[in-house]
Amino acid sequence: MRNYFDPASIVVILITLVLFITALFYKGFTHDLLLEAGVFLVSVKLILLSFRNSVFISDLKKELREIKELIKNQKVNDN
C-alpha cells in the first residue's frame, strides 16, 4: 500500500474518514447523512482513481524497461 500512496494521501484518507465518522455522530441519522455519505464517496472515488493511476504508471514503466532492454539487445546483436 505504501508503494502507491504517499504519506500525504494517507493523511487525507484518514482525515476524510475521521470527519465522516464525526459528522455521522454529530448530525445523527438524519437526511444530512445522505449529503455526508455523498461527500465521503466522492473522496473514496478520487482516492481509488489515484491508486489505479499509480498501478497503471508502474505497469507502464515496467513495459518501457522491457522495451528498452529489447532495443539494447537488438543493437548488440546487429553489431
N, C-alpha and C. Protein backbone atom coordinates (compact mmCIF):
# COMPACT_ATOMS: atom_id res chain seq x y z
N MET A 1 0.82 -1.18 0.00
CA MET A 1 0.00 0.00 0.00
C MET A 1 0.87 1.26 0.00
N ARG A 2 1.98 1.22 0.70
CA ARG A 2 2.86 2.38 0.77
C ARG A 2 3.54 2.65 -0.57
N ASN A 3 3.60 1.62 -1.43
CA ASN A 3 4.19 1.83 -2.75
C ASN A 3 3.34 2.74 -3.61
N TYR A 4 2.05 2.76 -3.39
CA TYR A 4 1.13 3.51 -4.24
C TYR A 4 0.63 4.79 -3.60
N PHE A 5 0.62 4.87 -2.29
CA PHE A 5 0.13 6.06 -1.60
C PHE A 5 1.27 6.76 -0.89
N ASP A 6 1.42 8.04 -1.15
CA ASP A 6 2.42 8.81 -0.43
C ASP A 6 1.85 9.19 0.93
N PRO A 7 2.68 9.64 1.85
CA PRO A 7 2.17 9.98 3.19
C PRO A 7 1.05 11.02 3.18
N ALA A 8 1.11 11.97 2.27
CA ALA A 8 0.05 12.98 2.22
C ALA A 8 -1.30 12.36 1.86
N SER A 9 -1.30 11.39 0.94
CA SER A 9 -2.56 10.73 0.57
C SER A 9 -3.12 9.93 1.73
N ILE A 10 -2.26 9.29 2.48
CA ILE A 10 -2.72 8.51 3.64
C ILE A 10 -3.32 9.44 4.69
N VAL A 11 -2.70 10.60 4.89
CA VAL A 11 -3.24 11.58 5.84
C VAL A 11 -4.61 12.06 5.39
N VAL A 12 -4.76 12.34 4.10
CA VAL A 12 -6.06 12.79 3.57
C VAL A 12 -7.11 11.71 3.75
N ILE A 13 -6.75 10.46 3.51
CA ILE A 13 -7.69 9.35 3.70
C ILE A 13 -8.15 9.29 5.16
N LEU A 14 -7.21 9.38 6.07
CA LEU A 14 -7.55 9.29 7.49
C LEU A 14 -8.41 10.49 7.93
N ILE A 15 -8.05 11.69 7.49
CA ILE A 15 -8.83 12.87 7.85
C ILE A 15 -10.25 12.77 7.30
N THR A 16 -10.39 12.32 6.05
CA THR A 16 -11.71 12.17 5.45
C THR A 16 -12.55 11.18 6.24
N LEU A 17 -11.96 10.07 6.62
CA LEU A 17 -12.68 9.06 7.39
C LEU A 17 -13.09 9.59 8.76
N VAL A 18 -12.17 10.26 9.43
CA VAL A 18 -12.48 10.81 10.76
C VAL A 18 -13.58 11.86 10.67
N LEU A 19 -13.50 12.73 9.66
CA LEU A 19 -14.54 13.76 9.51
C LEU A 19 -15.90 13.14 9.18
N PHE A 20 -15.92 12.09 8.36
CA PHE A 20 -17.18 11.44 8.05
C PHE A 20 -17.80 10.81 9.29
N ILE A 21 -16.98 10.11 10.06
CA ILE A 21 -17.49 9.46 11.28
C ILE A 21 -17.96 10.52 12.28
N THR A 22 -17.19 11.61 12.41
CA THR A 22 -17.59 12.69 13.31
C THR A 22 -18.92 13.30 12.88
N ALA A 23 -19.06 13.57 11.59
CA ALA A 23 -20.32 14.13 11.08
C ALA A 23 -21.47 13.17 11.29
N LEU A 24 -21.19 11.89 11.15
CA LEU A 24 -22.23 10.89 11.35
C LEU A 24 -22.77 10.93 12.77
N PHE A 25 -21.88 11.03 13.74
CA PHE A 25 -22.32 11.07 15.13
C PHE A 25 -22.85 12.45 15.53
N TYR A 26 -22.30 13.50 14.93
CA TYR A 26 -22.75 14.85 15.27
C TYR A 26 -24.13 15.14 14.68
N LYS A 27 -24.31 14.80 13.43
CA LYS A 27 -25.59 15.05 12.75
C LYS A 27 -26.62 13.97 13.04
N GLY A 28 -26.15 12.79 13.33
CA GLY A 28 -27.06 11.68 13.55
C GLY A 28 -27.53 11.10 12.24
N PHE A 29 -28.48 10.22 12.32
CA PHE A 29 -29.02 9.56 11.12
C PHE A 29 -30.19 10.36 10.57
N THR A 30 -29.90 11.56 10.07
CA THR A 30 -30.93 12.41 9.50
C THR A 30 -30.75 12.45 7.99
N HIS A 31 -31.50 13.34 7.35
CA HIS A 31 -31.39 13.46 5.90
C HIS A 31 -30.02 14.00 5.49
N ASP A 32 -29.31 14.66 6.41
CA ASP A 32 -27.97 15.16 6.12
C ASP A 32 -26.96 14.01 5.95
N LEU A 33 -27.36 12.84 6.40
CA LEU A 33 -26.47 11.68 6.26
C LEU A 33 -26.20 11.38 4.79
N LEU A 34 -27.20 11.57 3.94
CA LEU A 34 -27.00 11.33 2.51
C LEU A 34 -25.97 12.29 1.93
N LEU A 35 -26.00 13.53 2.34
CA LEU A 35 -25.02 14.51 1.88
C LEU A 35 -23.62 14.13 2.35
N GLU A 36 -23.50 13.77 3.60
CA GLU A 36 -22.20 13.37 4.15
C GLU A 36 -21.69 12.11 3.45
N ALA A 37 -22.58 11.16 3.21
CA ALA A 37 -22.18 9.94 2.52
C ALA A 37 -21.74 10.23 1.10
N GLY A 38 -22.42 11.16 0.44
CA GLY A 38 -22.04 11.54 -0.92
C GLY A 38 -20.65 12.15 -0.97
N VAL A 39 -20.36 13.04 -0.03
CA VAL A 39 -19.03 13.65 0.03
C VAL A 39 -17.98 12.59 0.29
N PHE A 40 -18.28 11.68 1.20
CA PHE A 40 -17.34 10.61 1.52
C PHE A 40 -17.09 9.72 0.30
N LEU A 41 -18.15 9.38 -0.43
CA LEU A 41 -17.99 8.51 -1.60
C LEU A 41 -17.20 9.20 -2.71
N VAL A 42 -17.38 10.49 -2.88
CA VAL A 42 -16.57 11.22 -3.87
C VAL A 42 -15.10 11.17 -3.47
N SER A 43 -14.82 11.35 -2.20
CA SER A 43 -13.43 11.27 -1.73
C SER A 43 -12.85 9.88 -1.97
N VAL A 44 -13.63 8.86 -1.67
CA VAL A 44 -13.16 7.48 -1.88
C VAL A 44 -12.91 7.23 -3.36
N LYS A 45 -13.79 7.72 -4.21
CA LYS A 45 -13.61 7.53 -5.65
C LYS A 45 -12.34 8.20 -6.13
N LEU A 46 -12.07 9.41 -5.68
CA LEU A 46 -10.83 10.09 -6.07
C LEU A 46 -9.60 9.33 -5.59
N ILE A 47 -9.67 8.78 -4.40
CA ILE A 47 -8.55 8.01 -3.86
C ILE A 47 -8.34 6.74 -4.68
N LEU A 48 -9.43 6.05 -5.04
CA LEU A 48 -9.32 4.84 -5.85
C LEU A 48 -8.79 5.14 -7.25
N LEU A 49 -9.20 6.26 -7.83
CA LEU A 49 -8.66 6.65 -9.14
C LEU A 49 -7.17 6.94 -9.05
N SER A 50 -6.75 7.56 -7.97
CA SER A 50 -5.33 7.83 -7.77
C SER A 50 -4.56 6.52 -7.65
N PHE A 51 -5.12 5.57 -6.91
CA PHE A 51 -4.48 4.26 -6.77
C PHE A 51 -4.39 3.55 -8.11
N ARG A 52 -5.47 3.58 -8.88
CA ARG A 52 -5.48 2.93 -10.19
C ARG A 52 -4.46 3.55 -11.13
N ASN A 53 -4.34 4.87 -11.09
CA ASN A 53 -3.34 5.54 -11.91
C ASN A 53 -1.93 5.15 -11.49
N SER A 54 -1.68 5.01 -10.20
CA SER A 54 -0.36 4.60 -9.72
C SER A 54 -0.01 3.20 -10.22
N VAL A 55 -0.96 2.29 -10.16
CA VAL A 55 -0.73 0.93 -10.64
C VAL A 55 -0.47 0.95 -12.15
N PHE A 56 -1.26 1.73 -12.89
CA PHE A 56 -1.08 1.82 -14.34
C PHE A 56 0.29 2.37 -14.69
N ILE A 57 0.72 3.40 -14.01
CA ILE A 57 2.02 4.00 -14.28
C ILE A 57 3.15 3.03 -13.97
N SER A 58 3.05 2.28 -12.88
CA SER A 58 4.10 1.32 -12.57
C SER A 58 4.15 0.20 -13.61
N ASP A 59 2.99 -0.25 -14.10
CA ASP A 59 2.98 -1.24 -15.17
C ASP A 59 3.57 -0.68 -16.46
N LEU A 60 3.26 0.56 -16.74
CA LEU A 60 3.79 1.21 -17.94
C LEU A 60 5.31 1.36 -17.86
N LYS A 61 5.82 1.71 -16.70
CA LYS A 61 7.27 1.81 -16.52
C LYS A 61 7.94 0.46 -16.72
N LYS A 62 7.31 -0.59 -16.22
CA LYS A 62 7.85 -1.93 -16.39
C LYS A 62 7.92 -2.30 -17.87
N GLU A 63 6.87 -2.03 -18.59
CA GLU A 63 6.85 -2.34 -20.03
C GLU A 63 7.89 -1.52 -20.79
N LEU A 64 8.05 -0.25 -20.41
CA LEU A 64 9.06 0.58 -21.07
C LEU A 64 10.48 0.07 -20.81
N ARG A 65 10.72 -0.42 -19.59
CA ARG A 65 12.04 -1.02 -19.30
C ARG A 65 12.28 -2.25 -20.16
N GLU A 66 11.25 -3.05 -20.33
CA GLU A 66 11.38 -4.25 -21.16
C GLU A 66 11.66 -3.88 -22.61
N ILE A 67 10.98 -2.86 -23.12
CA ILE A 67 11.20 -2.41 -24.50
C ILE A 67 12.62 -1.88 -24.65
N LYS A 68 13.08 -1.13 -23.67
CA LYS A 68 14.44 -0.59 -23.68
C LYS A 68 15.47 -1.71 -23.73
N GLU A 69 15.26 -2.74 -22.93
CA GLU A 69 16.17 -3.88 -22.93
C GLU A 69 16.16 -4.60 -24.28
N LEU A 70 14.99 -4.75 -24.87
CA LEU A 70 14.90 -5.40 -26.18
C LEU A 70 15.65 -4.60 -27.24
N ILE A 71 15.53 -3.27 -27.18
CA ILE A 71 16.24 -2.42 -28.14
C ILE A 71 17.75 -2.53 -27.94
N LYS A 72 18.18 -2.53 -26.68
CA LYS A 72 19.62 -2.68 -26.41
C LYS A 72 20.13 -4.01 -26.92
N ASN A 73 19.38 -5.09 -26.69
CA ASN A 73 19.80 -6.42 -27.14
C ASN A 73 19.84 -6.48 -28.66
N GLN A 74 18.91 -5.82 -29.31
CA GLN A 74 18.88 -5.82 -30.77
C GLN A 74 20.08 -5.05 -31.33
N LYS A 75 20.45 -3.95 -30.71
CA LYS A 75 21.62 -3.18 -31.13
C LYS A 75 22.90 -3.98 -30.96
N VAL A 76 22.99 -4.72 -29.87
CA VAL A 76 24.19 -5.53 -29.61
C VAL A 76 24.28 -6.66 -30.66
N ASN A 77 23.17 -7.26 -30.98
CA ASN A 77 23.17 -8.36 -31.95
C ASN A 77 23.45 -7.85 -33.37
N ASP A 78 23.04 -6.64 -33.68
CA ASP A 78 23.29 -6.08 -35.01
C ASP A 78 24.77 -5.75 -35.21
N ASN A 79 25.47 -5.42 -34.15
CA ASN A 79 26.90 -5.07 -34.27
C ASN A 79 27.68 -6.31 -34.26
